Amino acid sequence: ALNSKKVIIVEGLLDGVVLSQIAKDSLIVSCSNGVQGTLKCLSQLQFGKYDEIKLILDNDKAGDTETEKIISQYPFIKDCRKFLIDFGSKDIGDWYMDKYVWETDND
């Protein structure tokens, strides 16, 4: 997905690995220094290269706070955590385990 026109920004490395298996048409970006460093990390992105930029930070207080900061500074970035909230999952890894792994183990 290096030539992708879509970017998904996630909070953690595991979230990025999981999402890279599902969202094959998107470049997955994860900042290595935690959720608090995400805003600073974004300054390295060349926003003009992408048609769509999505943000999926964790469904917790820190994720809420950082998402608010990022969206206020970069209003063209879309908060895409609704599926985490709908499933009651903390992050992409939890969501994946609940939705795919545990369901298939019970078949």
PDB file of N, CA and C in Angstrom:
ATOM      1  N   ALA A   1       0.824  -1.204   0.000  1.00  0.00           N
ATOM      2  CA  ALA A   1       0.000   0.000   0.000  1.00  0.00           C
ATOM      3  C   ALA A   1       0.868   1.269   0.000  1.00  0.00           C
ATOM      4  N   LEU A   2       2.115   1.151  -0.389  1.00  0.00           N
ATOM      5  CA  LEU A   2       2.989   2.319  -0.391  1.00  0.00           C
ATOM      6  C   LEU A   2       2.549   3.392  -1.369  1.00  0.00           C
ATOM      7  N   ASN A   3       1.887   3.001  -2.447  1.00  0.00           N
ATOM      8  CA  ASN A   3       1.411   3.966  -3.432  1.00  0.00           C
ATOM      9  C   ASN A   3      -0.045   4.344  -3.190  1.00  0.00           C
ATOM     10  N   SER A   4      -0.553   3.988  -2.044  1.00  0.00           N
ATOM     11  CA  SER A   4      -1.950   4.229  -1.719  1.00  0.00           C
ATOM     12  C   SER A   4      -2.263   5.714  -1.616  1.00  0.00           C
ATOM     13  N   LYS A   5      -3.499   6.046  -1.907  1.00  0.00           N
ATOM     14  CA  LYS A   5      -3.993   7.408  -1.741  1.00  0.00           C
ATOM     15  C   LYS A   5      -4.784   7.526  -0.440  1.00  0.00           C
ATOM     16  N   LYS A   6      -4.799   6.427   0.340  1.00  0.00           N
ATOM     17  CA  LYS A   6      -5.517   6.406   1.615  1.00  0.00           C
ATOM     18  C   LYS A   6      -4.534   6.113   2.747  1.00  0.00           C
ATOM     19  N   VAL A   7      -4.704   6.813   3.863  1.00  0.00           N
ATOM     20  CA  VAL A   7      -3.865   6.599   5.034  1.00  0.00           C
ATOM     21  C   VAL A   7      -4.774   6.367   6.232  1.00  0.00           C
ATOM     22  N   ILE A   8      -4.402   5.404   7.055  1.00  0.00           N
ATOM     23  CA  ILE A   8      -5.085   5.191   8.321  1.00  0.00           C
ATOM     24  C   ILE A   8      -4.043   5.321   9.420  1.00  0.00           C
ATOM     25  N   ILE A   9      -4.280   6.234  10.349  1.00  0.00           N
ATOM     26  CA  ILE A   9      -3.371   6.481  11.460  1.00  0.00           C
ATOM     27  C   ILE A   9      -3.914   5.745  12.679  1.00  0.00           C
ATOM     28  N   VAL A  10      -3.093   4.889  13.263  1.00  0.00           N
ATOM     29  CA  VAL A  10      -3.503   4.104  14.426  1.00  0.00           C
ATOM     30  C   VAL A  10      -2.577   4.379  15.598  1.00  0.00           C
ATOM     31  N   GLU A  11      -3.004   3.931  16.766  1.00  0.00           N
ATOM     32  CA  GLU A  11      -2.260   4.241  17.982  1.00  0.00           C
ATOM     33  C   GLU A  11      -1.068   3.320  18.218  1.00  0.00           C
ATOM     34  N   GLY A  12      -1.252   2.038  18.024  1.00  0.00           N
ATOM     35  CA  GLY A  12      -0.190   1.111  18.393  1.00  0.00           C
ATOM     36  C   GLY A  12       0.264   0.221  17.252  1.00  0.00           C
ATOM     37  N   LEU A  13       1.428  -0.378  17.427  1.00  0.00           N
ATOM     38  CA  LEU A  13       2.006  -1.256  16.413  1.00  0.00           C
ATOM     39  C   LEU A  13       1.100  -2.450  16.125  1.00  0.00           C
ATOM     40  N   LEU A  14       0.567  -3.094  17.159  1.00  0.00           N
ATOM     41  CA  LEU A  14      -0.312  -4.243  16.961  1.00  0.00           C
ATOM     42  C   LEU A  14      -1.559  -3.840  16.183  1.00  0.00           C
ATOM     43  N   ASP A  15      -2.115  -2.669  16.501  1.00  0.00           N
ATOM     44  CA  ASP A  15      -3.269  -2.168  15.750  1.00  0.00           C
ATOM     45  C   ASP A  15      -2.908  -2.032  14.278  1.00  0.00           C
ATOM     46  N   GLY A  16      -1.725  -1.529  13.997  1.00  0.00           N
ATOM     47  CA  GLY A  16      -1.270  -1.363  12.628  1.00  0.00           C
ATOM     48  C   GLY A  16      -1.105  -2.680  11.901  1.00  0.00           C
ATOM     49  N   VAL A  17      -0.552  -3.667  12.589  1.00  0.00           N
ATOM     50  CA  VAL A  17      -0.353  -4.983  11.989  1.00  0.00           C
ATOM     51  C   VAL A  17      -1.702  -5.619  11.660  1.00  0.00           C
ATOM     52  N   VAL A  18      -2.624  -5.582  12.603  1.00  0.00           N
ATOM     53  CA  VAL A  18      -3.955  -6.153  12.384  1.00  0.00           C
ATOM     54  C   VAL A  18      -4.644  -5.447  11.222  1.00  0.00           C
ATOM     55  N   LEU A  19      -4.636  -4.132  11.248  1.00  0.00           N
ATOM     56  CA  LEU A  19      -5.329  -3.368  10.219  1.00  0.00           C
ATOM     57  C   LEU A  19      -4.705  -3.543   8.842  1.00  0.00           C
ATOM     58  N   SER A  20      -3.398  -3.735   8.788  1.00  0.00           N
ATOM     59  CA  SER A  20      -2.740  -3.920   7.488  1.00  0.00           C
ATOM     60  C   SER A  20      -3.217  -5.197   6.797  1.00  0.00           C
ATOM     61  N   GLN A  21      -3.719  -6.159   7.560  1.00  0.00           N
ATOM     62  CA  GLN A  21      -4.239  -7.395   6.983  1.00  0.00           C
ATOM     63  C   GLN A  21      -5.652  -7.216   6.440  1.00  0.00           C
ATOM     64  N   ILE A  22      -6.355  -6.218   6.945  1.00  0.00           N
ATOM     65  CA  ILE A  22      -7.747  -5.991   6.549  1.00  0.00           C
ATOM     66  C   ILE A  22      -7.848  -4.890   5.500  1.00  0.00           C
ATOM     67  N   ALA A  23      -7.178  -3.780   5.736  1.00  0.00           N
ATOM     68  CA  ALA A  23      -7.258  -2.599   4.865  1.00  0.00           C
ATOM     69  C   ALA A  23      -6.063  -2.580   3.922  1.00  0.00           C
ATOM     70  N   LYS A  24      -6.039  -3.498   3.007  1.00  0.00           N
ATOM     71  CA  LYS A  24      -4.880  -3.680   2.132  1.00  0.00           C
ATOM     72  C   LYS A  24      -4.667  -2.524   1.157  1.00  0.00           C
ATOM     73  N   ASP A  25      -5.701  -1.707   0.949  1.00  0.00           N
ATOM     74  CA  ASP A  25      -5.583  -0.600   0.001  1.00  0.00           C
ATOM     75  C   ASP A  25      -5.127   0.696   0.671  1.00  0.00           C
ATOM     76  N   SER A  26      -4.777   0.619   1.963  1.00  0.00           N
ATOM     77  CA  SER A  26      -4.402   1.815   2.714  1.00  0.00           C
ATOM     78  C   SER A  26      -2.995   1.698   3.278  1.00  0.00           C
ATOM     79  N   LEU A  27      -2.338   2.832   3.374  1.00  0.00           N
ATOM     80  CA  LEU A  27      -1.067   2.918   4.077  1.00  0.00           C
ATOM     81  C   LEU A  27      -1.400   3.054   5.559  1.00  0.00           C
ATOM     82  N   ILE A  28      -0.822   2.215   6.388  1.00  0.00           N
ATOM     83  CA  ILE A  28      -1.085   2.242   7.825  1.00  0.00           C
ATOM     84  C   ILE A  28       0.085   2.934   8.509  1.00  0.00           C
ATOM     85  N   VAL A  29      -0.220   3.940   9.323  1.00  0.00           N
ATOM     86  CA  VAL A  29       0.802   4.692  10.041  1.00  0.00           C
ATOM     87  C   VAL A  29       0.567   4.536  11.529  1.00  0.00           C
ATOM     88  N   SER A  30       1.603   4.154  12.246  1.00  0.00           N
ATOM     89  CA  SER A  30       1.546   4.044  13.697  1.00  0.00           C
ATOM     90  C   SER A  30       2.751   4.770  14.270  1.00  0.00           C
ATOM     91  N   CYS A  31       2.506   5.646  15.216  1.00  0.00           N
ATOM     92  CA  CYS A  31       3.603   6.386  15.843  1.00  0.00           C
ATOM     93  C   CYS A  31       4.172   5.561  16.981  1.00  0.00           C
ATOM     94  N   SER A  32       5.464   5.431  17.008  1.00  0.00           N
ATOM     95  CA  SER A  32       6.109   4.515  17.947  1.00  0.00           C
ATOM     96  C   SER A  32       6.181   5.033  19.383  1.00  0.00           C
ATOM     97  N   ASN A  33       5.919   6.318  19.593  1.00  0.00           N
ATOM     98  CA  ASN A  33       6.097   6.856  20.943  1.00  0.00           C
ATOM     99  C   ASN A  33       4.783   7.096  21.682  1.00  0.00           C
ATOM    100  N   GLY A  34       3.755   6.316  21.376  1.00  0.00           N
ATOM    101  CA  GLY A  34       2.513   6.370  22.126  1.00  0.00           C
ATOM    102  C   GLY A  34       1.532   7.411  21.632  1.00  0.00           C
ATOM    103  N   VAL A  35       0.340   7.342  22.209  1.00  0.00           N
ATOM    104  CA  VAL A  35      -0.756   8.193  21.760  1.00  0.00           C
ATOM    105  C   VAL A  35      -0.439   9.682  21.913  1.00  0.00           C
ATOM    106  N   GLN A  36       0.293  10.044  22.947  1.00  0.00           N
ATOM    107  CA  GLN A  36       0.601  11.457  23.173  1.00  0.00           C
ATOM    108  C   GLN A  36       1.514  12.023  22.095  1.00  0.00           C
ATOM    109  N   GLY A  37       2.239  11.166  21.389  1.00  0.00           N
ATOM    110  CA  GLY A  37       3.144  11.617  20.346  1.00  0.00           C
ATOM    111  C   GLY A  37       2.523  11.630  18.963  1.00  0.00           C
ATOM    112  N   THR A  38       1.267  11.227  18.864  1.00  0.00           N
ATOM    113  CA  THR A  38       0.634  11.108  17.553  1.00  0.00           C
ATOM    114  C   THR A  38       0.554  12.447  16.831  1.00  0.00           C
ATOM    115  N   LEU A  39       0.139  13.481  17.527  1.00  0.00           N
ATOM    116  CA  LEU A  39       0.007  14.796  16.909  1.00  0.00           C
ATOM    117  C   LEU A  39       1.344  15.267  16.347  1.00  0.00           C
ATOM    118  N   LYS A  40       2.406  15.103  17.121  1.00  0.00           N
ATOM    119  CA  LYS A  40       3.747  15.502  16.673  1.00  0.00           C
ATOM    120  C   LYS A  40       4.184  14.658  15.470  1.00  0.00           C
ATOM    121  N   CYS A  41       3.879  13.383  15.510  1.00  0.00           N
ATOM    122  CA  CYS A  41       4.228  12.457  14.429  1.00  0.00           C
ATOM    123  C   CYS A  41       3.548  12.862  13.117  1.00  0.00           C
ATOM    124  N   LEU A  42       2.340  13.389  13.195  1.00  0.00           N
ATOM    125  CA  LEU A  42       1.589  13.759  11.994  1.00  0.00           C
ATOM    126  C   LEU A  42       2.268  14.844  11.185  1.00  0.00           C
ATOM    127  N   SER A  43       3.080  15.645  11.830  1.00  0.00           N
ATOM    128  CA  SER A  43       3.770  16.715  11.106  1.00  0.00           C
ATOM    129  C   SER A  43       4.718  16.150  10.043  1.00  0.00           C
ATOM    130  N   GLN A  44       5.031  14.859  10.129  1.00  0.00           N
ATOM    131  CA  GLN A  44       5.916  14.213   9.156  1.00  0.00           C
ATOM    132  C   GLN A  44       5.174  13.744   7.904  1.00  0.00           C
ATOM    133  N   LEU A  45       3.839  13.686   7.970  1.00  0.00           N
ATOM    134  CA  LEU A  45       3.058  13.218   6.826  1.00  0.00           C
ATOM    135  C   LEU A  45       2.928  14.305   5.767  1.00  0.00           C
ATOM    136  N   GLN A  46       3.027  13.921   4.540  1.00  0.00           N
ATOM    137  CA  GLN A  46       2.812  14.842   3.420  1.00  0.00           C
ATOM    138  C   GLN A  46       1.341  14.712   3.014  1.00  0.00           C
ATOM    139  N   PHE A  47       0.493  15.482   3.688  1.00  0.00           N
ATOM    140  CA  PHE A  47      -0.950  15.345   3.539  1.00  0.00           C
ATOM    141  C   PHE A  47      -1.431  15.467   2.099  1.00  0.00           C
ATOM    142  N   GLY A  48      -0.781  16.298   1.304  1.00  0.00           N
ATOM    143  CA  GLY A  48      -1.205  16.512  -0.073  1.00  0.00           C
ATOM    144  C   GLY A  48      -1.123  15.278  -0.958  1.00  0.00           C
ATOM    145  N   LYS A  49      -0.396  14.261  -0.537  1.00  0.00           N
ATOM    146  CA  LYS A  49      -0.238  13.040  -1.326  1.00  0.00           C
ATOM    147  C   LYS A  49      -1.434  12.100  -1.210  1.00  0.00           C
ATOM    148  N   TYR A  50      -2.343  12.381  -0.249  1.00  0.00           N
ATOM    149  CA  TYR A  50      -3.405  11.428   0.054  1.00  0.00           C
ATOM    150  C   TYR A  50      -4.790  12.028  -0.161  1.00  0.00           C
ATOM    151  N   ASP A  51      -5.695  11.195  -0.658  1.00  0.00           N
ATOM    152  CA  ASP A  51      -7.079  11.616  -0.875  1.00  0.00           C
ATOM    153  C   ASP A  51      -7.907  11.462   0.391  1.00  0.00           C
ATOM    154  N   GLU A  52      -7.497  10.538   1.234  1.00  0.00           N
ATOM    155  CA  GLU A  52      -8.293  10.226   2.417  1.00  0.00           C
ATOM    156  C   GLU A  52      -7.362   9.907   3.586  1.00  0.00           C
ATOM    157  N   ILE A  53      -7.616  10.550   4.719  1.00  0.00           N
ATOM    158  CA  ILE A  53      -6.814  10.291   5.923  1.00  0.00           C
ATOM    159  C   ILE A  53      -7.772   9.998   7.061  1.00  0.00           C
ATOM    160  N   LYS A  54      -7.648   8.782   7.598  1.00  0.00           N
ATOM    161  CA  LYS A  54      -8.516   8.341   8.683  1.00  0.00           C
ATOM    162  C   LYS A  54      -7.691   8.185   9.955  1.00  0.00           C
ATOM    163  N   LEU A  55      -8.348   8.387  11.073  1.00  0.00           N
ATOM    164  CA  LEU A  55      -7.710   8.283  12.377  1.00  0.00           C
ATOM    165  C   LEU A  55      -8.485   7.278  13.217  1.00  0.00           C
ATOM    166  N   ILE A  56      -7.784   6.255  13.720  1.00  0.00           N
ATOM    167  CA  ILE A  56      -8.418   5.264  14.581  1.00  0.00           C
ATOM    168  C   ILE A  56      -7.542   5.067  15.811  1.00  0.00           C
ATOM    169  N   LEU A  57      -7.696   5.960  16.777  1.00  0.00           N
ATOM    170  CA  LEU A  57      -6.989   5.802  18.042  1.00  0.00           C
ATOM    171  C   LEU A  57      -7.849   4.954  18.973  1.00  0.00           C
ATOM    172  N   ASP A  58      -7.289   4.575  20.109  1.00  0.00           N
ATOM    173  CA  ASP A  58      -8.002   3.712  21.039  1.00  0.00           C
ATOM    174  C   ASP A  58      -9.281   4.354  21.558  1.00  0.00           C
ATOM    175  N   ASN A  59     -10.217   3.503  21.897  1.00  0.00           N
ATOM    176  CA  ASN A  59     -11.497   3.916  22.456  1.00  0.00           C
ATOM    177  C   ASN A  59     -11.343   4.018  23.981  1.00  0.00           C
ATOM    178  N   ASP A  60     -10.589   5.026  24.412  1.00  0.00           N
ATOM    179  CA  ASP A  60     -10.388   5.278  25.839  1.00  0.00           C
ATOM    180  C   ASP A  60     -10.172   6.776  26.042  1.00  0.00           C
ATOM    181  N   LYS A  61      -9.967   7.195  27.270  1.00  0.00           N
ATOM    182  CA  LYS A  61      -9.842   8.625  27.583  1.00  0.00           C
ATOM    183  C   LYS A  61      -8.675   9.267  26.821  1.00  0.00           C
ATOM    184  N   ALA A  62      -7.521   8.608  26.831  1.00  0.00           N
ATOM    185  CA  ALA A  62      -6.345   9.148  26.128  1.00  0.00           C
ATOM    186  C   ALA A  62      -6.610   9.241  24.628  1.00  0.00           C
ATOM    187  N   GLY A  63      -7.270   8.235  24.054  1.00  0.00           N
ATOM    188  CA  GLY A  63      -7.614   8.253  22.641  1.00  0.00           C
ATOM    189  C   GLY A  63      -8.586   9.371  22.313  1.00  0.00           C
ATOM    190  N   ASP A  64      -9.566   9.572  23.214  1.00  0.00           N
ATOM    191  CA  ASP A  64     -10.540  10.664  23.028  1.00  0.00           C
ATOM    192  C   ASP A  64      -9.834  12.017  23.015  1.00  0.00           C
ATOM    193  N   THR A  65      -8.966  12.225  23.992  1.00  0.00           N
ATOM    194  CA  THR A  65      -8.259  13.499  24.142  1.00  0.00           C
ATOM    195  C   THR A  65      -7.387  13.786  22.927  1.00  0.00           C
ATOM    196  N   GLU A  66      -6.612  12.810  22.515  1.00  0.00           N
ATOM    197  CA  GLU A  66      -5.695  13.012  21.387  1.00  0.00           C
ATOM    198  C   GLU A  66      -6.462  13.182  20.079  1.00  0.00           C
ATOM    199  N   THR A  67      -7.544  12.425  19.913  1.00  0.00           N
ATOM    200  CA  THR A  67      -8.366  12.559  18.712  1.00  0.00           C
ATOM    201  C   THR A  67      -8.908  13.978  18.598  1.00  0.00           C
ATOM    202  N   GLU A  68      -9.392  14.508  19.715  1.00  0.00           N
ATOM    203  CA  GLU A  68      -9.904  15.885  19.730  1.00  0.00           C
ATOM    204  C   GLU A  68      -8.826  16.887  19.296  1.00  0.00           C
ATOM    205  N   LYS A  69      -7.623  16.733  19.850  1.00  0.00           N
ATOM    206  CA  LYS A  69      -6.518  17.632  19.496  1.00  0.00           C
ATOM    207  C   LYS A  69      -6.190  17.554  18.011  1.00  0.00           C
ATOM    208  N   ILE A  70      -6.114  16.336  17.502  1.00  0.00           N
ATOM    209  CA  ILE A  70      -5.733  16.128  16.102  1.00  0.00           C
ATOM    210  C   ILE A  70      -6.789  16.696  15.160  1.00  0.00           C
ATOM    211  N   ILE A  71      -8.049  16.388  15.418  1.00  0.00           N
ATOM    212  CA  ILE A  71      -9.129  16.855  14.554  1.00  0.00           C
ATOM    213  C   ILE A  71      -9.231  18.383  14.583  1.00  0.00           C
ATOM    214  N   SER A  72      -8.970  18.983  15.745  1.00  0.00           N
ATOM    215  CA  SER A  72      -9.041  20.449  15.806  1.00  0.00           C
ATOM    216  C   SER A  72      -7.905  21.095  15.003  1.00  0.00           C
ATOM    217  N   GLN A  73      -6.753  20.438  14.954  1.00  0.00           N
ATOM    218  CA  GLN A  73      -5.621  20.989  14.196  1.00  0.00           C
ATOM    219  C   GLN A  73      -5.677  20.601  12.708  1.00  0.00           C
ATOM    220  N   TYR A  74      -6.199  19.409  12.444  1.00  0.00           N
ATOM    221  CA  TYR A  74      -6.285  18.900  11.071  1.00  0.00           C
ATOM    222  C   TYR A  74      -7.733  18.472  10.793  1.00  0.00           C
ATOM    223  N   PRO A  75      -8.625  19.418  10.518  1.00  0.00           N
ATOM    224  CA  PRO A  75     -10.048  19.082  10.365  1.00  0.00           C
ATOM    225  C   PRO A  75     -10.367  18.174   9.172  1.00  0.00           C
ATOM    226  N   PHE A  76      -9.435  17.989   8.257  1.00  0.00           N
ATOM    227  CA  PHE A  76      -9.650  17.099   7.112  1.00  0.00           C
ATOM    228  C   PHE A  76      -9.402  15.628   7.463  1.00  0.00           C
ATOM    229  N   ILE A  77      -8.858  15.361   8.651  1.00  0.00           N
ATOM    230  CA  ILE A  77      -8.670  13.988   9.106  1.00  0.00           C
ATOM    231  C   ILE A  77      -9.978  13.513   9.737  1.00  0.00           C
ATOM    232  N   LYS A  78     -10.392  12.305   9.365  1.00  0.00           N
ATOM    233  CA  LYS A  78     -11.684  11.784   9.814  1.00  0.00           C
ATOM    234  C   LYS A  78     -11.506  10.802  10.978  1.00  0.00           C
ATOM    235  N   ASP A  79     -12.216  11.058  12.071  1.00  0.00           N
ATOM    236  CA  ASP A  79     -12.238  10.137  13.212  1.00  0.00           C
ATOM    237  C   ASP A  79     -13.083   8.928  12.822  1.00  0.00           C
ATOM    238  N   CYS A  80     -12.477   7.756  12.800  1.00  0.00           N
ATOM    239  CA  CYS A  80     -13.167   6.543  12.345  1.00  0.00           C
ATOM    240  C   CYS A  80     -13.241   5.480  13.442  1.00  0.00           C
ATOM    241  N   ARG A  81     -13.436   5.896  14.679  1.00  0.00           N
ATOM    242  CA  ARG A  81     -13.502   4.940  15.796  1.00  0.00           C
ATOM    243  C   ARG A  81     -14.903   4.411  16.069  1.00  0.00           C
ATOM    244  N   LYS A  82     -15.881   4.800  15.274  1.00  0.00           N
ATOM    245  CA  LYS A  82     -17.270   4.409  15.562  1.00  0.00           C
ATOM    246  C   LYS A  82     -17.421   2.891  15.711  1.00  0.00           C
ATOM    247  N   PHE A  83     -16.745   2.131  14.861  1.00  0.00           N
ATOM    248  CA  PHE A  83     -16.875   0.668  14.948  1.00  0.00           C
ATOM    249  C   PHE A  83     -16.327   0.132  16.273  1.00  0.00           C
ATOM    250  N   LEU A  84     -15.289   0.776  16.826  1.00  0.00           N
ATOM    251  CA  LEU A  84     -14.774   0.357  18.135  1.00  0.00           C
ATOM    252  C   LEU A  84     -15.813   0.630  19.220  1.00  0.00           C
ATOM    253  N   ILE A  85     -16.417   1.800  19.143  1.00  0.00           N
ATOM    254  CA  ILE A  85     -17.431   2.189  20.118  1.00  0.00           C
ATOM    255  C   ILE A  85     -18.634   1.258  20.007  1.00  0.00           C
ATOM    256  N   ASP A  86     -19.079   0.987  18.768  1.00  0.00           N
ATOM    257  CA  ASP A  86     -20.237   0.113  18.551  1.00  0.00           C
ATOM    258  C   ASP A  86     -19.999  -1.295  19.081  1.00  0.00           C
ATOM    259  N   PHE A  87     -18.781  -1.802  18.938  1.00  0.00           N
ATOM    260  CA  PHE A  87     -18.463  -3.149  19.412  1.00  0.00           C
ATOM    261  C   PHE A  87     -18.055  -3.173  20.885  1.00  0.00           C
ATOM    262  N   GLY A  88     -17.837  -1.988  21.473  1.00  0.00           N
ATOM    263  CA  GLY A  88     -17.374  -1.925  22.857  1.00  0.00           C
ATOM    264  C   GLY A  88     -15.935  -2.377  23.003  1.00  0.00           C
ATOM    265  N   SER A  89     -15.146  -2.200  21.943  1.00  0.00           N
ATOM    266  CA  SER A  89     -13.746  -2.631  21.940  1.00  0.00           C
ATOM    267  C   SER A  89     -12.840  -1.466  22.300  1.00  0.00           C
ATOM    268  N   LYS A  90     -11.748  -1.773  23.013  1.00  0.00           N
ATOM    269  CA  LYS A  90     -10.793  -0.731  23.403  1.00  0.00           C
ATOM    270  C   LYS A  90      -9.942  -0.286  22.215  1.00  0.00           C
ATOM    271  N   ASP A  91      -9.541  -1.240  21.387  1.00  0.00           N
ATOM    272  CA  ASP A  91      -8.673  -0.914  20.257  1.00  0.00           C
ATOM    273  C   ASP A  91      -8.901  -1.895  19.117  1.00  0.00           C
ATOM    274  N   ILE A  92      -8.173  -1.723  18.040  1.00  0.00           N
ATOM    275  CA  ILE A  92      -8.353  -2.556  16.853  1.00  0.00           C
ATOM    276  C   ILE A  92      -8.026  -4.021  17.145  1.00  0.00           C
ATOM    277  N   GLY A  93      -6.995  -4.263  17.938  1.00  0.00           N
ATOM    278  CA  GLY A  93      -6.635  -5.637  18.291  1.00  0.00           C
ATOM    279  C   GLY A  93      -7.758  -6.337  19.035  1.00  0.00           C
ATOM    280  N   ASP A  94      -8.353  -5.669  20.014  1.00  0.00           N
ATOM    281  CA  ASP A  94      -9.481  -6.248  20.757  1.00  0.00           C
ATOM    282  C   ASP A  94     -10.665  -6.497  19.827  1.00  0.00           C
ATOM    283  N   TRP A  95     -10.965  -5.507  18.981  1.00  0.00           N
ATOM    284  CA  TRP A  95     -12.069  -5.631  18.036  1.00  0.00           C
ATOM    285  C   TRP A  95     -11.856  -6.838  17.120  1.00  0.00           C
ATOM    286  N   TYR A  96     -10.646  -6.978  16.605  1.00  0.00           N
ATOM    287  CA  TYR A  96     -10.338  -8.087  15.708  1.00  0.00           C
ATOM    288  C   TYR A  96     -10.512  -9.428  16.409  1.00  0.00           C
ATOM    289  N   MET A  97     -10.005  -9.522  17.626  1.00  0.00           N
ATOM    290  CA  MET A  97     -10.132 -10.772  18.387  1.00  0.00           C
ATOM    291  C   MET A  97     -11.604 -11.106  18.629  1.00  0.00           C
ATOM    292  N   ASP A  98     -12.382 -10.110  19.031  1.00  0.00           N
ATOM    293  CA  ASP A  98     -13.796 -10.334  19.311  1.00  0.00           C
ATOM    294  C   ASP A  98     -14.576 -10.678  18.046  1.00  0.00           C
ATOM    295  N   LYS A  99     -14.329  -9.952  16.979  1.00  0.00           N
ATOM    296  CA  LYS A  99     -15.130 -10.106  15.763  1.00  0.00           C
ATOM    297  C   LYS A  99     -14.725 -11.319  14.931  1.00  0.00           C
ATOM    298  N   TYR A 100     -13.450 -11.574  14.794  1.00  0.00           N
ATOM    299  CA  TYR A 100     -13.004 -12.617  13.883  1.00  0.00           C
ATOM    300  C   TYR A 100     -12.480 -13.878  14.570  1.00  0.00           C
ATOM    301  N   VAL A 101     -11.573 -13.711  15.487  1.00  0.00           N
ATOM    302  CA  VAL A 101     -10.891 -14.881  16.045  1.00  0.00           C
ATOM    303  C   VAL A 101     -11.814 -15.710  16.916  1.00  0.00           C
ATOM    304  N   TRP A 102     -12.481 -15.102  17.875  1.00  0.00           N
ATOM    305  CA  TRP A 102     -13.305 -15.879  18.798  1.00  0.00           C
ATOM    306  C   TRP A 102     -14.537 -16.434  18.108  1.00  0.00           C
ATOM    307  N   GLU A 103     -15.108 -15.711  17.160  1.00  0.00           N
ATOM    308  CA  GLU A 103     -16.267 -16.206  16.430  1.00  0.00           C
ATOM    309  C   GLU A 103     -15.925 -17.467  15.630  1.00  0.00           C
ATOM    310  N   THR A 104     -14.767 -17.466  14.982  1.00  0.00           N
ATOM    311  CA  THR A 104     -14.405 -18.615  14.156  1.00  0.00           C
ATOM    312  C   THR A 104     -14.001 -19.806  15.010  1.00  0.00           C
ATOM    313  N   ASP A 105     -13.488 -19.573  16.215  1.00  0.00           N
ATOM    314  CA  ASP A 105     -13.132 -20.678  17.100  1.00  0.00           C
ATOM    315  C   ASP A 105     -14.366 -21.432  17.584  1.00  0.00           C
ATOM    316  N   ASN A 106     -15.493 -20.763  17.618  1.00  0.00           N
ATOM    317  CA  ASN A 106     -16.716 -21.387  18.137  1.00  0.00           C
ATOM    318  C   ASN A 106     -17.515 -22.106  17.062  1.00  0.00           C
ATOM    319  N   ASP A 107     -17.065 -22.051  15.820  1.00  0.00           N
ATOM    320  CA  ASP A 107     -17.809 -22.713  14.740  1.00  0.00           C
ATOM    321  C   ASP A 107     -17.589 -24.201  14.750  1.00  0.00           C
TER     322      ASP A 107
END
